[in-house]
N, C-alpha and C. Protein backbone atom coordinates (compact mmCIF):
# COMPACT_ATOMS: atom_id res chain seq x y z
N UNK A 1 10.27 -87.92 -8.11
CA UNK A 1 10.75 -89.21 -8.58
C UNK A 1 12.26 -89.25 -8.41
N UNK A 2 12.77 -90.38 -7.98
CA UNK A 2 14.20 -90.53 -7.72
C UNK A 2 14.95 -90.64 -9.04
N UNK A 3 16.06 -89.96 -9.13
CA UNK A 3 16.91 -90.07 -10.31
C UNK A 3 17.92 -91.18 -10.08
N UNK A 4 18.59 -91.59 -11.15
CA UNK A 4 19.61 -92.64 -11.03
C UNK A 4 20.71 -92.19 -10.08
N UNK A 5 21.08 -90.91 -10.17
CA UNK A 5 22.14 -90.39 -9.30
C UNK A 5 21.73 -90.50 -7.83
N UNK A 6 20.47 -90.09 -7.52
CA UNK A 6 19.98 -90.18 -6.15
C UNK A 6 19.93 -91.63 -5.67
N UNK A 7 19.52 -92.52 -6.56
CA UNK A 7 19.45 -93.94 -6.21
C UNK A 7 20.84 -94.48 -5.94
N UNK A 8 21.82 -94.10 -6.78
CA UNK A 8 23.20 -94.55 -6.56
C UNK A 8 23.75 -94.04 -5.24
N UNK A 9 23.45 -92.79 -4.90
CA UNK A 9 23.90 -92.21 -3.64
C UNK A 9 23.30 -92.97 -2.47
N UNK A 10 21.99 -93.22 -2.55
CA UNK A 10 21.30 -93.94 -1.48
C UNK A 10 21.87 -95.35 -1.32
N UNK A 11 22.05 -96.05 -2.42
CA UNK A 11 22.60 -97.41 -2.35
C UNK A 11 24.03 -97.39 -1.82
N UNK A 12 24.82 -96.41 -2.24
CA UNK A 12 26.19 -96.30 -1.75
C UNK A 12 26.22 -96.08 -0.25
N UNK A 13 25.31 -95.25 0.25
CA UNK A 13 25.23 -94.99 1.68
C UNK A 13 24.83 -96.25 2.44
N UNK A 14 23.83 -96.96 1.93
CA UNK A 14 23.38 -98.18 2.59
C UNK A 14 24.47 -99.24 2.61
N UNK A 15 25.20 -99.37 1.52
CA UNK A 15 26.27 -100.37 1.45
C UNK A 15 27.38 -100.02 2.42
N UNK A 16 27.76 -98.73 2.50
CA UNK A 16 28.83 -98.35 3.44
C UNK A 16 28.38 -98.55 4.88
N UNK A 17 27.10 -98.32 5.17
CA UNK A 17 26.58 -98.55 6.52
C UNK A 17 26.63 -100.03 6.84
N UNK A 18 26.30 -100.88 5.85
CA UNK A 18 26.32 -102.32 6.07
C UNK A 18 27.73 -102.78 6.42
N UNK A 19 28.73 -102.20 5.78
CA UNK A 19 30.11 -102.56 6.07
C UNK A 19 30.46 -102.19 7.51
N UNK A 20 29.98 -101.05 7.98
CA UNK A 20 30.25 -100.63 9.35
C UNK A 20 29.67 -101.62 10.35
N UNK A 21 28.47 -102.15 10.07
CA UNK A 21 27.84 -103.10 10.99
C UNK A 21 28.62 -104.40 11.05
N UNK A 22 29.35 -104.73 10.00
CA UNK A 22 30.09 -105.97 9.95
C UNK A 22 31.43 -105.91 10.66
N UNK A 23 31.85 -104.74 11.09
CA UNK A 23 33.15 -104.60 11.75
C UNK A 23 33.15 -105.32 13.09
N UNK A 24 34.33 -105.75 13.49
CA UNK A 24 34.48 -106.36 14.81
C UNK A 24 34.37 -105.27 15.86
N UNK A 25 34.01 -105.67 17.06
CA UNK A 25 33.79 -104.71 18.15
C UNK A 25 35.01 -103.84 18.41
N UNK A 26 36.22 -104.43 18.32
CA UNK A 26 37.41 -103.65 18.62
C UNK A 26 37.70 -102.62 17.53
N UNK A 27 37.17 -102.83 16.33
CA UNK A 27 37.40 -101.90 15.23
C UNK A 27 36.42 -100.73 15.25
N UNK A 28 35.20 -100.97 15.68
CA UNK A 28 34.17 -99.94 15.64
C UNK A 28 34.01 -99.32 17.02
N UNK A 29 34.35 -98.05 17.17
CA UNK A 29 34.17 -97.41 18.48
C UNK A 29 32.69 -97.30 18.83
N UNK A 30 32.39 -97.53 20.07
CA UNK A 30 31.01 -97.47 20.52
C UNK A 30 30.77 -96.10 21.14
N UNK A 31 29.80 -95.40 20.60
CA UNK A 31 29.44 -94.10 21.13
C UNK A 31 28.29 -94.28 22.11
N UNK A 32 28.51 -93.92 23.36
CA UNK A 32 27.45 -94.03 24.35
C UNK A 32 26.81 -92.67 24.54
N UNK A 33 25.50 -92.62 24.57
CA UNK A 33 24.83 -91.34 24.77
C UNK A 33 25.05 -90.83 26.19
N UNK A 34 24.94 -89.51 26.33
CA UNK A 34 25.08 -88.92 27.65
C UNK A 34 23.97 -89.45 28.56
N UNK A 35 24.35 -89.95 29.72
CA UNK A 35 23.37 -90.49 30.65
C UNK A 35 22.93 -89.35 31.57
N UNK A 36 21.64 -89.06 31.56
CA UNK A 36 21.10 -88.01 32.40
C UNK A 36 20.07 -88.63 33.34
N UNK A 37 19.97 -88.08 34.54
CA UNK A 37 18.94 -88.59 35.46
C UNK A 37 17.55 -88.44 34.83
N UNK A 38 16.62 -89.28 35.24
CA UNK A 38 15.28 -89.24 34.65
C UNK A 38 14.61 -87.89 34.86
N UNK A 39 15.00 -87.15 35.89
CA UNK A 39 14.40 -85.84 36.13
C UNK A 39 14.88 -84.82 35.10
N UNK A 40 15.92 -85.14 34.34
CA UNK A 40 16.44 -84.21 33.35
C UNK A 40 16.13 -84.63 31.92
N UNK A 41 15.62 -85.85 31.72
CA UNK A 41 15.30 -86.31 30.37
C UNK A 41 14.28 -85.39 29.73
N UNK A 42 14.58 -84.96 28.52
CA UNK A 42 13.66 -84.10 27.78
C UNK A 42 13.69 -82.65 28.23
N UNK A 43 14.60 -82.30 29.11
CA UNK A 43 14.71 -80.92 29.60
C UNK A 43 15.92 -80.24 28.97
N UNK A 44 15.89 -78.92 28.96
CA UNK A 44 17.05 -78.15 28.52
C UNK A 44 18.13 -78.27 29.59
N UNK A 45 19.37 -77.96 29.20
CA UNK A 45 20.49 -78.00 30.15
C UNK A 45 20.19 -77.07 31.31
N UNK A 46 20.45 -77.54 32.53
CA UNK A 46 20.23 -76.72 33.71
C UNK A 46 18.81 -76.80 34.25
N UNK A 47 17.95 -77.57 33.60
CA UNK A 47 16.57 -77.73 34.06
C UNK A 47 16.35 -79.15 34.57
N UNK A 48 15.33 -79.31 35.41
CA UNK A 48 14.96 -80.62 35.92
C UNK A 48 13.44 -80.72 35.97
N UNK A 49 12.94 -81.91 35.83
CA UNK A 49 11.50 -82.17 35.85
C UNK A 49 11.09 -82.57 37.26
N UNK A 50 9.92 -82.10 37.69
CA UNK A 50 9.36 -82.51 38.97
C UNK A 50 7.84 -82.53 38.86
N UNK A 51 7.20 -83.15 39.80
CA UNK A 51 5.74 -83.21 39.82
C UNK A 51 5.26 -82.64 41.14
N UNK A 52 4.23 -81.82 41.07
CA UNK A 52 3.62 -81.26 42.28
C UNK A 52 2.12 -81.44 42.20
N UNK A 53 1.48 -81.54 43.34
CA UNK A 53 0.03 -81.63 43.41
C UNK A 53 -0.46 -80.30 43.99
N UNK A 54 -1.30 -79.62 43.22
CA UNK A 54 -1.78 -78.29 43.60
C UNK A 54 -3.29 -78.23 43.61
N UNK A 55 -3.80 -77.23 44.28
CA UNK A 55 -5.22 -76.94 44.29
C UNK A 55 -5.68 -76.60 42.87
N UNK A 56 -6.81 -77.18 42.43
CA UNK A 56 -7.30 -76.97 41.06
C UNK A 56 -7.55 -75.50 40.75
N UNK A 57 -8.14 -74.78 41.69
CA UNK A 57 -8.44 -73.36 41.46
C UNK A 57 -7.14 -72.57 41.27
N UNK A 58 -6.13 -72.89 42.06
CA UNK A 58 -4.85 -72.20 41.94
C UNK A 58 -4.24 -72.46 40.56
N UNK A 59 -4.29 -73.69 40.09
CA UNK A 59 -3.74 -74.03 38.78
C UNK A 59 -4.49 -73.25 37.69
N UNK A 60 -5.81 -73.19 37.77
CA UNK A 60 -6.60 -72.46 36.78
C UNK A 60 -6.23 -70.98 36.77
N UNK A 61 -6.02 -70.42 37.96
CA UNK A 61 -5.68 -69.00 38.04
C UNK A 61 -4.28 -68.74 37.48
N UNK A 62 -3.35 -69.63 37.76
CA UNK A 62 -2.00 -69.47 37.22
C UNK A 62 -2.03 -69.60 35.70
N UNK A 63 -2.81 -70.54 35.17
CA UNK A 63 -2.97 -70.67 33.72
C UNK A 63 -3.53 -69.40 33.12
N UNK A 64 -4.52 -68.82 33.79
CA UNK A 64 -5.14 -67.59 33.32
C UNK A 64 -4.10 -66.46 33.25
N UNK A 65 -3.33 -66.32 34.34
CA UNK A 65 -2.32 -65.25 34.39
C UNK A 65 -1.27 -65.47 33.30
N UNK A 66 -0.80 -66.70 33.15
CA UNK A 66 0.20 -67.01 32.13
C UNK A 66 -0.32 -66.67 30.74
N UNK A 67 -1.55 -67.06 30.46
CA UNK A 67 -2.15 -66.77 29.16
C UNK A 67 -2.28 -65.27 28.95
N UNK A 68 -2.76 -64.56 29.96
CA UNK A 68 -2.94 -63.11 29.87
C UNK A 68 -1.62 -62.38 29.62
N UNK A 69 -0.53 -62.92 30.18
CA UNK A 69 0.78 -62.30 30.05
C UNK A 69 1.59 -62.86 28.88
N UNK A 70 1.05 -63.83 28.18
CA UNK A 70 1.76 -64.42 27.05
C UNK A 70 2.96 -65.26 27.48
N UNK A 71 2.88 -65.85 28.66
CA UNK A 71 3.97 -66.70 29.13
C UNK A 71 3.41 -68.11 29.37
N UNK A 72 4.18 -68.92 30.07
CA UNK A 72 3.76 -70.30 30.32
C UNK A 72 3.57 -70.53 31.81
N UNK A 73 2.90 -71.61 32.15
CA UNK A 73 2.74 -71.99 33.55
C UNK A 73 4.12 -72.22 34.15
N UNK A 74 5.00 -72.86 33.38
CA UNK A 74 6.37 -73.10 33.85
C UNK A 74 7.05 -71.78 34.23
N UNK A 75 6.88 -70.77 33.39
CA UNK A 75 7.47 -69.46 33.68
C UNK A 75 6.91 -68.87 34.97
N UNK A 76 5.60 -69.00 35.17
CA UNK A 76 4.95 -68.44 36.36
C UNK A 76 5.39 -69.20 37.61
N UNK A 77 5.49 -70.52 37.52
CA UNK A 77 5.93 -71.31 38.67
C UNK A 77 7.38 -70.96 39.01
N UNK A 78 8.22 -70.86 37.99
CA UNK A 78 9.63 -70.49 38.21
C UNK A 78 9.72 -69.11 38.85
N UNK A 79 8.93 -68.18 38.37
CA UNK A 79 8.90 -66.82 38.93
C UNK A 79 8.50 -66.85 40.41
N UNK A 80 7.47 -67.60 40.73
CA UNK A 80 7.00 -67.70 42.11
C UNK A 80 8.02 -68.35 43.03
N UNK A 81 8.59 -69.46 42.59
CA UNK A 81 9.57 -70.16 43.41
C UNK A 81 10.85 -69.34 43.57
N UNK A 82 11.24 -68.62 42.54
CA UNK A 82 12.41 -67.75 42.63
C UNK A 82 12.19 -66.67 43.67
N UNK A 83 10.99 -66.10 43.70
CA UNK A 83 10.65 -65.08 44.71
C UNK A 83 10.75 -65.66 46.12
N UNK A 84 10.21 -66.86 46.32
CA UNK A 84 10.26 -67.50 47.64
C UNK A 84 11.71 -67.75 48.07
N UNK A 85 12.53 -68.26 47.15
CA UNK A 85 13.92 -68.55 47.49
C UNK A 85 14.67 -67.25 47.82
N UNK A 86 14.46 -66.20 47.04
CA UNK A 86 15.14 -64.92 47.31
C UNK A 86 14.75 -64.37 48.68
N UNK A 87 13.46 -64.43 49.00
CA UNK A 87 13.00 -63.95 50.31
C UNK A 87 13.65 -64.75 51.44
N UNK A 88 13.69 -66.05 51.30
CA UNK A 88 14.28 -66.91 52.32
C UNK A 88 15.76 -66.62 52.48
N UNK A 89 16.47 -66.50 51.35
CA UNK A 89 17.90 -66.25 51.40
C UNK A 89 18.22 -64.86 51.97
N UNK A 90 17.35 -63.89 51.73
CA UNK A 90 17.56 -62.56 52.31
C UNK A 90 17.52 -62.61 53.83
N UNK A 91 16.69 -63.48 54.38
CA UNK A 91 16.58 -63.61 55.83
C UNK A 91 17.60 -64.57 56.43
N UNK A 92 17.94 -65.62 55.70
CA UNK A 92 18.73 -66.72 56.27
C UNK A 92 20.10 -66.94 55.63
N UNK A 93 20.43 -66.22 54.60
CA UNK A 93 21.68 -66.43 53.89
C UNK A 93 21.51 -67.36 52.71
N UNK A 94 22.50 -67.34 51.83
CA UNK A 94 22.43 -68.14 50.60
C UNK A 94 22.38 -69.63 50.91
N UNK A 95 21.55 -70.32 50.18
CA UNK A 95 21.42 -71.77 50.31
C UNK A 95 22.56 -72.42 49.53
N UNK A 96 23.37 -73.24 50.21
CA UNK A 96 24.49 -73.90 49.49
C UNK A 96 23.97 -75.04 48.63
N UNK A 97 24.32 -75.00 47.37
CA UNK A 97 23.90 -76.06 46.42
C UNK A 97 25.15 -76.80 45.98
N UNK A 98 25.10 -78.12 46.08
CA UNK A 98 26.25 -78.95 45.67
C UNK A 98 26.13 -79.32 44.24
């Protein structure tokens, strides 16, 4: 149950917020959120989202391996792609990334 003190705090907060909304545009700074490409929305820093179409049996096997090893499909895909990139770069040199 709310106490009078809690109610006063809540009302005080709401009233101060109301005052902020009433400010003129030049008085209230506008905070814009960081704009990230759609491939990065919901991802950790340094990660990007992509979609691939794979053979169903291959996906099931990768899920099985990930579960058996206590990791995720994402971890297994990253591991596999990292191996491919390292092999390619060993033969052809480092891939320049901008």
